[in-house]
Amino acid sequence: MKRLTRARRTAIALPLATIVAAIGFLAAGAFAQSSTGAAATVSLRTTKLGAILVAPNGRTLYLFAKDRGGKSSCNGGCAAYWPPLLAHGKPTAGTGVKASLLGTTKRSNGSMQVTYAKHPLYTFALDKSAGQTTGEGSSNFGAKWWAVSASGAAVVKAAAAGTPPTTTTTGGGYSSPYP
């Protein structure tokens, strides 16, 4: 059996590694799609942040402070880290969730994303199990990410007991409830 030269091993290994990585990325995307597709039921779960909205798989649902007018501002690489909650048909309300606040919005790729109180909903790729809130307060892709309460408001965890959540003012004099 001939020994492969280092250059030849590298020439074989690099494309193989690329293929394996691509399959892993596609599988993760398919998992995110399948876990958030068809029967999109939004439920309420008690976590360290209090009662928050969760996806059918029990994962925390977040809103993106950059979204405006019920439309998603998170696509491409953003959506890989913050997978949108997708639905085929009308989403359903679990216990404690107001059905009247549920809706959908069309994403740039034509898929339908679940909204709550007109906020497009997302999970977070680094939340590895139900009830985790790792994405809470993250600043990624140009704005903050917050878990969502049953009323549809951002759950802003206060820095210390008795400290009220802060608000910020944008350049146009608009006061935002998202720090």
N, C-alpha and C. Protein backbone atom coordinates (compact mmCIF):
# COMPACT_ATOMS: atom_id res chain seq x y z
N MET A 1 0.84 -1.19 0.00
CA MET A 1 0.00 0.00 0.00
C MET A 1 0.88 1.24 0.00
N LYS A 2 0.61 2.16 -0.86
CA LYS A 2 1.40 3.38 -0.97
C LYS A 2 1.08 4.32 0.20
N ARG A 3 2.07 5.01 0.66
CA ARG A 3 1.86 6.03 1.70
C ARG A 3 1.44 7.32 1.02
N LEU A 4 0.45 7.97 1.61
CA LEU A 4 0.00 9.25 1.06
C LEU A 4 0.94 10.35 1.51
N THR A 5 1.24 11.25 0.62
CA THR A 5 2.07 12.39 1.00
C THR A 5 1.23 13.35 1.83
N ARG A 6 1.93 14.18 2.55
CA ARG A 6 1.24 15.16 3.40
C ARG A 6 0.32 16.05 2.56
N ALA A 7 0.77 16.50 1.44
CA ALA A 7 -0.03 17.36 0.56
C ALA A 7 -1.29 16.63 0.09
N ARG A 8 -1.13 15.37 -0.24
CA ARG A 8 -2.27 14.59 -0.72
C ARG A 8 -3.29 14.36 0.39
N ARG A 9 -2.78 14.06 1.62
CA ARG A 9 -3.69 13.90 2.77
C ARG A 9 -4.48 15.18 3.01
N THR A 10 -3.79 16.32 2.93
CA THR A 10 -4.45 17.61 3.13
C THR A 10 -5.48 17.86 2.04
N ALA A 11 -5.12 17.51 0.80
CA ALA A 11 -6.04 17.70 -0.33
C ALA A 11 -7.30 16.86 -0.17
N ILE A 12 -7.19 15.73 0.50
CA ILE A 12 -8.35 14.87 0.74
C ILE A 12 -9.11 15.33 1.99
N ALA A 13 -8.37 15.68 3.04
CA ALA A 13 -8.98 16.01 4.33
C ALA A 13 -9.79 17.31 4.29
N LEU A 14 -9.30 18.34 3.63
CA LEU A 14 -10.00 19.63 3.62
C LEU A 14 -11.39 19.54 2.99
N PRO A 15 -11.52 18.97 1.80
CA PRO A 15 -12.89 18.86 1.24
C PRO A 15 -13.79 17.97 2.09
N LEU A 16 -13.22 16.91 2.66
CA LEU A 16 -14.00 16.02 3.52
C LEU A 16 -14.50 16.76 4.76
N ALA A 17 -13.63 17.54 5.38
CA ALA A 17 -14.02 18.33 6.55
C ALA A 17 -15.10 19.34 6.19
N THR A 18 -14.99 19.95 5.02
CA THR A 18 -15.99 20.91 4.56
C THR A 18 -17.34 20.24 4.38
N ILE A 19 -17.33 19.06 3.81
CA ILE A 19 -18.58 18.32 3.59
C ILE A 19 -19.22 17.95 4.92
N VAL A 20 -18.40 17.44 5.86
CA VAL A 20 -18.93 17.07 7.18
C VAL A 20 -19.52 18.29 7.88
N ALA A 21 -18.82 19.43 7.83
CA ALA A 21 -19.31 20.66 8.46
C ALA A 21 -20.62 21.10 7.81
N ALA A 22 -20.71 21.03 6.49
CA ALA A 22 -21.94 21.43 5.79
C ALA A 22 -23.10 20.53 6.16
N ILE A 23 -22.85 19.23 6.26
CA ILE A 23 -23.91 18.30 6.66
C ILE A 23 -24.38 18.62 8.07
N GLY A 24 -23.43 18.90 8.97
CA GLY A 24 -23.79 19.26 10.34
C GLY A 24 -24.63 20.52 10.40
N PHE A 25 -24.24 21.54 9.62
CA PHE A 25 -25.00 22.79 9.59
C PHE A 25 -26.39 22.57 9.05
N LEU A 26 -26.49 21.80 7.96
CA LEU A 26 -27.81 21.52 7.38
C LEU A 26 -28.67 20.70 8.32
N ALA A 27 -28.07 19.74 9.01
CA ALA A 27 -28.83 18.93 9.96
C ALA A 27 -29.33 19.79 11.11
N ALA A 28 -28.49 20.71 11.59
CA ALA A 28 -28.91 21.61 12.67
C ALA A 28 -30.06 22.49 12.19
N GLY A 29 -29.96 22.99 10.95
CA GLY A 29 -31.04 23.80 10.39
C GLY A 29 -32.33 23.02 10.24
N ALA A 30 -32.20 21.77 9.79
CA ALA A 30 -33.39 20.92 9.64
C ALA A 30 -34.01 20.63 11.00
N PHE A 31 -33.15 20.43 12.03
CA PHE A 31 -33.67 20.20 13.37
C PHE A 31 -34.43 21.43 13.85
N ALA A 32 -33.82 22.62 13.65
CA ALA A 32 -34.48 23.85 14.08
C ALA A 32 -35.81 24.01 13.35
N GLN A 33 -35.83 23.74 12.04
CA GLN A 33 -37.06 23.86 11.28
C GLN A 33 -38.11 22.86 11.78
N SER A 34 -37.69 21.59 11.98
CA SER A 34 -38.66 20.58 12.36
C SER A 34 -39.18 20.81 13.77
N SER A 35 -38.33 21.36 14.65
CA SER A 35 -38.78 21.58 16.02
C SER A 35 -39.68 22.80 16.11
N THR A 36 -39.69 23.63 15.08
CA THR A 36 -40.49 24.85 15.14
C THR A 36 -41.53 24.93 14.04
N GLY A 37 -41.67 23.90 13.24
CA GLY A 37 -42.58 23.94 12.11
C GLY A 37 -44.01 23.60 12.47
N ALA A 38 -44.70 22.93 11.59
CA ALA A 38 -46.11 22.52 11.61
C ALA A 38 -46.94 22.99 12.79
N ALA A 39 -47.01 22.22 13.85
CA ALA A 39 -47.88 22.54 14.98
C ALA A 39 -47.17 23.47 15.95
N ALA A 40 -47.12 24.75 15.63
CA ALA A 40 -46.43 25.72 16.48
C ALA A 40 -47.34 26.14 17.62
N THR A 41 -47.16 25.49 18.76
CA THR A 41 -47.91 25.84 19.96
C THR A 41 -46.98 26.63 20.88
N VAL A 42 -47.40 27.82 21.25
CA VAL A 42 -46.64 28.66 22.16
C VAL A 42 -47.23 28.47 23.55
N SER A 43 -46.37 28.16 24.51
CA SER A 43 -46.82 27.90 25.88
C SER A 43 -46.10 28.82 26.85
N LEU A 44 -46.50 28.72 28.12
CA LEU A 44 -45.90 29.50 29.19
C LEU A 44 -45.14 28.56 30.11
N ARG A 45 -43.96 28.96 30.54
CA ARG A 45 -43.14 28.15 31.44
C ARG A 45 -42.52 29.07 32.49
N THR A 46 -42.42 28.58 33.71
CA THR A 46 -41.78 29.35 34.77
C THR A 46 -40.29 29.04 34.78
N THR A 47 -39.48 30.10 34.71
CA THR A 47 -38.01 29.98 34.71
C THR A 47 -37.47 30.94 35.77
N LYS A 48 -36.15 31.06 35.83
CA LYS A 48 -35.54 32.01 36.77
C LYS A 48 -35.91 33.45 36.43
N LEU A 49 -36.40 33.68 35.21
CA LEU A 49 -36.85 35.02 34.80
C LEU A 49 -38.32 35.25 35.13
N GLY A 50 -39.00 34.21 35.60
CA GLY A 50 -40.45 34.26 35.82
C GLY A 50 -41.16 33.49 34.72
N ALA A 51 -42.44 33.78 34.52
CA ALA A 51 -43.23 33.09 33.48
C ALA A 51 -42.90 33.71 32.12
N ILE A 52 -42.44 32.85 31.20
CA ILE A 52 -42.05 33.32 29.86
C ILE A 52 -42.62 32.38 28.80
N LEU A 53 -42.66 32.87 27.55
CA LEU A 53 -43.14 32.06 26.44
C LEU A 53 -42.08 31.05 26.02
N VAL A 54 -42.56 29.85 25.65
CA VAL A 54 -41.66 28.80 25.16
C VAL A 54 -42.22 28.17 23.90
N ALA A 55 -41.32 27.62 23.10
CA ALA A 55 -41.65 26.91 21.85
C ALA A 55 -42.20 25.52 22.19
N PRO A 56 -42.70 24.80 21.19
CA PRO A 56 -43.22 23.44 21.43
C PRO A 56 -42.22 22.50 22.11
N ASN A 57 -40.92 22.71 21.89
CA ASN A 57 -39.90 21.87 22.51
C ASN A 57 -39.49 22.37 23.89
N GLY A 58 -40.17 23.39 24.41
CA GLY A 58 -39.87 23.92 25.74
C GLY A 58 -38.77 24.96 25.78
N ARG A 59 -38.19 25.28 24.62
CA ARG A 59 -37.11 26.27 24.57
C ARG A 59 -37.68 27.68 24.70
N THR A 60 -36.92 28.53 25.35
CA THR A 60 -37.30 29.93 25.57
C THR A 60 -37.50 30.64 24.24
N LEU A 61 -38.54 31.48 24.18
CA LEU A 61 -38.78 32.32 23.01
C LEU A 61 -38.34 33.75 23.33
N TYR A 62 -37.67 34.35 22.35
CA TYR A 62 -37.12 35.69 22.52
C TYR A 62 -37.69 36.63 21.46
N LEU A 63 -37.65 37.92 21.79
CA LEU A 63 -37.92 38.97 20.81
C LEU A 63 -36.61 39.69 20.54
N PHE A 64 -36.53 40.31 19.37
CA PHE A 64 -35.34 41.04 18.93
C PHE A 64 -35.71 42.51 18.90
N ALA A 65 -35.02 43.32 19.69
CA ALA A 65 -35.36 44.74 19.81
C ALA A 65 -35.23 45.50 18.49
N LYS A 66 -34.52 44.95 17.52
CA LYS A 66 -34.33 45.60 16.22
C LYS A 66 -35.55 45.42 15.30
N ASP A 67 -36.38 44.41 15.56
CA ASP A 67 -37.57 44.17 14.73
C ASP A 67 -38.53 45.35 14.84
N ARG A 68 -39.12 45.71 13.72
CA ARG A 68 -40.06 46.83 13.70
C ARG A 68 -41.29 46.46 12.87
N GLY A 69 -42.44 46.96 13.29
CA GLY A 69 -43.67 46.77 12.52
C GLY A 69 -44.07 45.32 12.34
N GLY A 70 -43.71 44.46 13.28
CA GLY A 70 -44.07 43.05 13.17
C GLY A 70 -43.24 42.27 12.17
N LYS A 71 -42.19 42.87 11.63
CA LYS A 71 -41.34 42.22 10.63
C LYS A 71 -39.99 41.85 11.23
N SER A 72 -39.45 40.72 10.80
CA SER A 72 -38.17 40.24 11.29
C SER A 72 -37.01 40.99 10.65
N SER A 73 -36.02 41.33 11.48
CA SER A 73 -34.77 41.93 11.01
C SER A 73 -33.63 40.93 11.13
N CYS A 74 -33.95 39.69 11.42
CA CYS A 74 -32.94 38.65 11.66
C CYS A 74 -32.99 37.60 10.56
N ASN A 75 -32.01 37.64 9.66
CA ASN A 75 -31.92 36.69 8.55
C ASN A 75 -30.48 36.21 8.42
N GLY A 76 -30.24 35.25 7.56
CA GLY A 76 -28.89 34.76 7.29
C GLY A 76 -28.21 34.23 8.54
N GLY A 77 -27.00 34.76 8.82
CA GLY A 77 -26.22 34.33 9.98
C GLY A 77 -26.96 34.56 11.29
N CYS A 78 -27.70 35.63 11.37
CA CYS A 78 -28.50 35.92 12.56
C CYS A 78 -29.48 34.78 12.82
N ALA A 79 -30.19 34.36 11.80
CA ALA A 79 -31.20 33.30 11.96
C ALA A 79 -30.57 31.94 12.27
N ALA A 80 -29.28 31.77 11.98
CA ALA A 80 -28.60 30.53 12.35
C ALA A 80 -28.41 30.47 13.87
N TYR A 81 -28.13 31.60 14.49
CA TYR A 81 -27.96 31.66 15.95
C TYR A 81 -29.29 31.86 16.67
N TRP A 82 -30.19 32.54 16.03
CA TRP A 82 -31.50 32.85 16.61
C TRP A 82 -32.58 32.29 15.67
N PRO A 83 -32.77 30.97 15.66
CA PRO A 83 -33.75 30.38 14.74
C PRO A 83 -35.16 30.91 14.98
N PRO A 84 -35.82 31.37 13.93
CA PRO A 84 -37.20 31.86 14.07
C PRO A 84 -38.15 30.71 14.38
N LEU A 85 -39.18 30.99 15.14
CA LEU A 85 -40.23 30.00 15.37
C LEU A 85 -41.13 30.03 14.14
N LEU A 86 -41.12 28.96 13.37
CA LEU A 86 -41.87 28.89 12.12
C LEU A 86 -43.14 28.08 12.31
N ALA A 87 -44.14 28.38 11.49
CA ALA A 87 -45.40 27.64 11.53
C ALA A 87 -45.94 27.46 10.12
N HIS A 88 -46.61 26.34 9.93
CA HIS A 88 -47.36 26.10 8.71
C HIS A 88 -48.81 26.11 9.15
N GLY A 89 -49.49 27.21 8.90
CA GLY A 89 -50.85 27.36 9.40
C GLY A 89 -50.87 28.27 10.62
N LYS A 90 -52.00 28.30 11.27
CA LYS A 90 -52.21 29.18 12.41
C LYS A 90 -51.55 28.61 13.68
N PRO A 91 -50.73 29.42 14.38
CA PRO A 91 -50.14 28.94 15.63
C PRO A 91 -51.22 28.80 16.70
N THR A 92 -50.96 27.95 17.67
CA THR A 92 -51.93 27.73 18.74
C THR A 92 -51.37 28.17 20.08
N ALA A 93 -52.28 28.53 20.98
CA ALA A 93 -51.91 29.02 22.30
C ALA A 93 -52.02 27.91 23.34
N GLY A 94 -50.94 27.71 24.08
CA GLY A 94 -50.95 26.77 25.19
C GLY A 94 -51.51 27.47 26.42
N THR A 95 -51.53 26.77 27.53
CA THR A 95 -52.04 27.31 28.79
C THR A 95 -51.31 28.60 29.17
N GLY A 96 -52.07 29.63 29.50
CA GLY A 96 -51.51 30.91 29.94
C GLY A 96 -51.15 31.86 28.82
N VAL A 97 -51.30 31.43 27.58
CA VAL A 97 -50.94 32.26 26.43
C VAL A 97 -52.22 32.80 25.80
N LYS A 98 -52.23 34.08 25.47
CA LYS A 98 -53.41 34.71 24.86
C LYS A 98 -53.43 34.46 23.36
N ALA A 99 -54.40 33.68 22.91
CA ALA A 99 -54.52 33.36 21.49
C ALA A 99 -54.66 34.61 20.64
N SER A 100 -55.29 35.64 21.19
CA SER A 100 -55.50 36.88 20.43
C SER A 100 -54.19 37.61 20.13
N LEU A 101 -53.13 37.30 20.86
CA LEU A 101 -51.84 37.96 20.63
C LEU A 101 -50.95 37.19 19.65
N LEU A 102 -51.35 35.96 19.31
CA LEU A 102 -50.58 35.14 18.37
C LEU A 102 -50.88 35.53 16.93
N GLY A 103 -49.88 35.47 16.10
CA GLY A 103 -50.05 35.74 14.68
C GLY A 103 -48.85 35.21 13.92
N THR A 104 -48.74 35.59 12.67
CA THR A 104 -47.58 35.21 11.85
C THR A 104 -47.17 36.40 11.00
N THR A 105 -45.94 36.36 10.53
CA THR A 105 -45.41 37.34 9.61
C THR A 105 -44.57 36.61 8.57
N LYS A 106 -44.59 37.10 7.35
CA LYS A 106 -43.83 36.46 6.27
C LYS A 106 -42.38 36.92 6.35
N ARG A 107 -41.46 35.94 6.36
CA ARG A 107 -40.03 36.22 6.37
C ARG A 107 -39.52 36.48 4.95
N SER A 108 -38.31 36.98 4.83
CA SER A 108 -37.75 37.30 3.52
C SER A 108 -37.63 36.07 2.63
N ASN A 109 -37.55 34.86 3.22
CA ASN A 109 -37.45 33.64 2.40
C ASN A 109 -38.82 33.03 2.12
N GLY A 110 -39.89 33.70 2.51
CA GLY A 110 -41.25 33.24 2.24
C GLY A 110 -41.86 32.38 3.33
N SER A 111 -41.07 31.92 4.30
CA SER A 111 -41.62 31.11 5.39
C SER A 111 -42.42 32.01 6.34
N MET A 112 -43.27 31.39 7.14
CA MET A 112 -44.11 32.14 8.08
C MET A 112 -43.55 32.00 9.49
N GLN A 113 -43.31 33.14 10.11
CA GLN A 113 -42.77 33.18 11.46
C GLN A 113 -43.87 33.53 12.44
N VAL A 114 -43.88 32.85 13.58
CA VAL A 114 -44.87 33.11 14.62
C VAL A 114 -44.54 34.44 15.31
N THR A 115 -45.58 35.23 15.56
CA THR A 115 -45.44 36.48 16.30
C THR A 115 -46.31 36.43 17.55
N TYR A 116 -45.95 37.24 18.53
CA TYR A 116 -46.76 37.39 19.74
C TYR A 116 -46.75 38.86 20.07
N ALA A 117 -47.93 39.46 20.17
CA ALA A 117 -48.06 40.91 20.37
C ALA A 117 -47.24 41.64 19.31
N LYS A 118 -47.27 41.11 18.09
CA LYS A 118 -46.58 41.64 16.90
C LYS A 118 -45.06 41.56 16.98
N HIS A 119 -44.51 40.81 17.94
CA HIS A 119 -43.07 40.57 18.00
C HIS A 119 -42.77 39.23 17.34
N PRO A 120 -41.95 39.20 16.27
CA PRO A 120 -41.51 37.91 15.73
C PRO A 120 -40.76 37.14 16.84
N LEU A 121 -40.99 35.83 16.92
CA LEU A 121 -40.41 35.03 17.99
C LEU A 121 -39.26 34.16 17.49
N TYR A 122 -38.24 34.00 18.36
CA TYR A 122 -37.03 33.26 18.04
C TYR A 122 -36.63 32.38 19.22
N THR A 123 -35.92 31.29 18.93
CA THR A 123 -35.24 30.54 19.98
C THR A 123 -33.76 30.94 19.90
N PHE A 124 -32.92 30.38 20.77
CA PHE A 124 -31.50 30.71 20.76
C PHE A 124 -30.71 29.41 20.66
N ALA A 125 -29.82 29.32 19.69
CA ALA A 125 -29.07 28.09 19.43
C ALA A 125 -28.25 27.62 20.63
N LEU A 126 -27.83 28.53 21.50
CA LEU A 126 -27.02 28.14 22.65
C LEU A 126 -27.85 27.73 23.87
N ASP A 127 -29.16 27.86 23.80
CA ASP A 127 -30.04 27.27 24.82
C ASP A 127 -30.12 25.80 24.47
N LYS A 128 -29.47 24.95 25.23
CA LYS A 128 -29.36 23.52 24.88
C LYS A 128 -30.50 22.67 25.42
N SER A 129 -31.27 23.19 26.38
CA SER A 129 -32.38 22.40 26.91
C SER A 129 -33.54 23.31 27.30
N ALA A 130 -34.68 22.71 27.48
CA ALA A 130 -35.90 23.45 27.84
C ALA A 130 -35.66 24.24 29.12
N GLY A 131 -36.16 25.47 29.13
CA GLY A 131 -36.07 26.31 30.32
C GLY A 131 -34.82 27.15 30.42
N GLN A 132 -33.80 26.90 29.58
CA GLN A 132 -32.61 27.74 29.63
C GLN A 132 -32.91 29.11 29.06
N THR A 133 -32.25 30.14 29.60
CA THR A 133 -32.45 31.51 29.15
C THR A 133 -31.11 32.19 28.87
N THR A 134 -30.21 31.46 28.23
CA THR A 134 -28.86 31.93 27.96
C THR A 134 -28.84 33.20 27.10
N GLY A 135 -29.82 33.37 26.24
CA GLY A 135 -29.83 34.52 25.34
C GLY A 135 -30.35 35.81 25.97
N GLU A 136 -30.91 35.74 27.16
CA GLU A 136 -31.51 36.91 27.82
C GLU A 136 -30.53 38.07 27.92
N GLY A 137 -30.91 39.21 27.35
CA GLY A 137 -30.12 40.43 27.44
C GLY A 137 -28.92 40.47 26.50
N SER A 138 -28.76 39.45 25.65
CA SER A 138 -27.63 39.43 24.71
C SER A 138 -27.74 40.59 23.73
N SER A 139 -26.60 41.10 23.32
CA SER A 139 -26.53 42.11 22.27
C SER A 139 -25.87 41.46 21.07
N ASN A 140 -26.68 40.96 20.16
CA ASN A 140 -26.16 40.32 18.95
C ASN A 140 -26.89 40.85 17.73
N PHE A 141 -26.15 41.02 16.65
CA PHE A 141 -26.72 41.42 15.36
C PHE A 141 -27.42 42.77 15.42
N GLY A 142 -26.89 43.66 16.25
CA GLY A 142 -27.33 45.04 16.24
C GLY A 142 -28.37 45.45 17.26
N ALA A 143 -28.77 44.57 18.15
CA ALA A 143 -29.75 44.95 19.18
C ALA A 143 -29.81 43.89 20.27
N LYS A 144 -30.60 44.17 21.29
CA LYS A 144 -30.77 43.26 22.43
C LYS A 144 -31.82 42.19 22.14
N TRP A 145 -31.71 41.08 22.85
CA TRP A 145 -32.63 39.95 22.77
C TRP A 145 -33.22 39.75 24.16
N TRP A 146 -34.55 39.61 24.23
CA TRP A 146 -35.22 39.45 25.51
C TRP A 146 -36.23 38.31 25.45
N ALA A 147 -36.35 37.58 26.56
CA ALA A 147 -37.42 36.60 26.69
C ALA A 147 -38.73 37.37 26.66
N VAL A 148 -39.84 36.68 26.39
CA VAL A 148 -41.14 37.34 26.22
C VAL A 148 -42.11 36.87 27.31
N SER A 149 -42.81 37.82 27.91
CA SER A 149 -43.80 37.52 28.95
C SER A 149 -45.14 37.16 28.31
N ALA A 150 -46.08 36.69 29.14
CA ALA A 150 -47.42 36.33 28.66
C ALA A 150 -48.17 37.54 28.12
N SER A 151 -47.78 38.75 28.55
CA SER A 151 -48.44 39.96 28.04
C SER A 151 -47.83 40.40 26.71
N GLY A 152 -46.71 39.79 26.31
CA GLY A 152 -46.05 40.16 25.06
C GLY A 152 -44.94 41.16 25.24
N ALA A 153 -44.62 41.50 26.49
CA ALA A 153 -43.56 42.46 26.77
C ALA A 153 -42.21 41.76 26.92
N ALA A 154 -41.14 42.52 26.71
CA ALA A 154 -39.80 42.00 26.94
C ALA A 154 -39.61 41.78 28.43
N VAL A 155 -39.02 40.66 28.80
CA VAL A 155 -38.69 40.39 30.20
C VAL A 155 -37.28 40.90 30.40
N VAL A 156 -37.17 42.06 31.04
CA VAL A 156 -35.88 42.69 31.26
C VAL A 156 -35.49 42.42 32.70
N LYS A 157 -34.51 41.57 32.88
CA LYS A 157 -34.05 41.20 34.22
C LYS A 157 -33.33 42.40 34.83
N ALA A 158 -33.81 42.87 35.99
CA ALA A 158 -33.19 44.02 36.67
C ALA A 158 -31.80 43.64 37.15
N ALA A 159 -30.88 44.60 37.12
CA ALA A 159 -29.50 44.36 37.53
C ALA A 159 -29.42 44.00 39.01
N ALA A 160 -30.23 44.63 39.82
CA ALA A 160 -30.23 44.34 41.26
C ALA A 160 -31.64 44.49 41.78
N ALA A 161 -31.93 43.85 42.90
CA ALA A 161 -33.26 43.94 43.49
C ALA A 161 -33.60 45.40 43.74
N GLY A 162 -34.78 45.81 43.35
CA GLY A 162 -35.23 47.18 43.56
C GLY A 162 -34.80 48.14 42.48
N THR A 163 -33.97 47.70 41.54
CA THR A 163 -33.54 48.57 40.45
C THR A 163 -34.51 48.44 39.30
N PRO A 164 -35.18 49.55 38.93
CA PRO A 164 -36.14 49.46 37.83
C PRO A 164 -35.42 49.24 36.51
N PRO A 165 -36.08 48.57 35.56
CA PRO A 165 -35.46 48.42 34.23
C PRO A 165 -35.23 49.78 33.61
N THR A 166 -34.16 49.90 32.85
CA THR A 166 -33.86 51.18 32.22
C THR A 166 -34.53 51.29 30.86
N THR A 167 -34.66 52.51 30.38
CA THR A 167 -35.13 52.72 29.01
C THR A 167 -34.07 53.53 28.31
N THR A 168 -34.02 53.39 27.01
CA THR A 168 -33.05 54.15 26.23
C THR A 168 -33.79 55.01 25.23
N THR A 169 -33.15 56.09 24.84
CA THR A 169 -33.72 56.97 23.84
C THR A 169 -32.88 56.88 22.59
N THR A 170 -33.52 56.64 21.46
CA THR A 170 -32.80 56.56 20.19
C THR A 170 -32.64 57.96 19.62
N GLY A 171 -31.88 58.07 18.55
CA GLY A 171 -31.59 59.36 17.93
C GLY A 171 -32.81 60.18 17.57
N GLY A 172 -33.93 59.56 17.27
CA GLY A 172 -35.11 60.30 16.84
C GLY A 172 -36.00 60.70 18.00
N GLY A 173 -35.50 60.61 19.24
CA GLY A 173 -36.31 60.98 20.38
C GLY A 173 -37.28 59.88 20.80
N TYR A 174 -37.20 58.72 20.16
CA TYR A 174 -38.07 57.60 20.46
C TYR A 174 -37.60 56.92 21.74
N SER A 175 -38.47 56.74 22.70
CA SER A 175 -38.12 56.07 23.94
C SER A 175 -38.42 54.59 23.79
N SER A 176 -37.39 53.77 24.04
CA SER A 176 -37.53 52.32 23.88
C SER A 176 -37.50 51.65 25.25
N PRO A 177 -38.37 50.66 25.49
CA PRO A 177 -38.32 49.94 26.75
C PRO A 177 -37.19 48.93 26.81
N TYR A 178 -36.40 48.81 25.74
CA TYR A 178 -35.31 47.85 25.68
C TYR A 178 -34.00 48.55 25.93
N PRO A 179 -33.28 48.19 27.01
CA PRO A 179 -31.99 48.83 27.29
C PRO A 179 -30.98 48.61 26.18
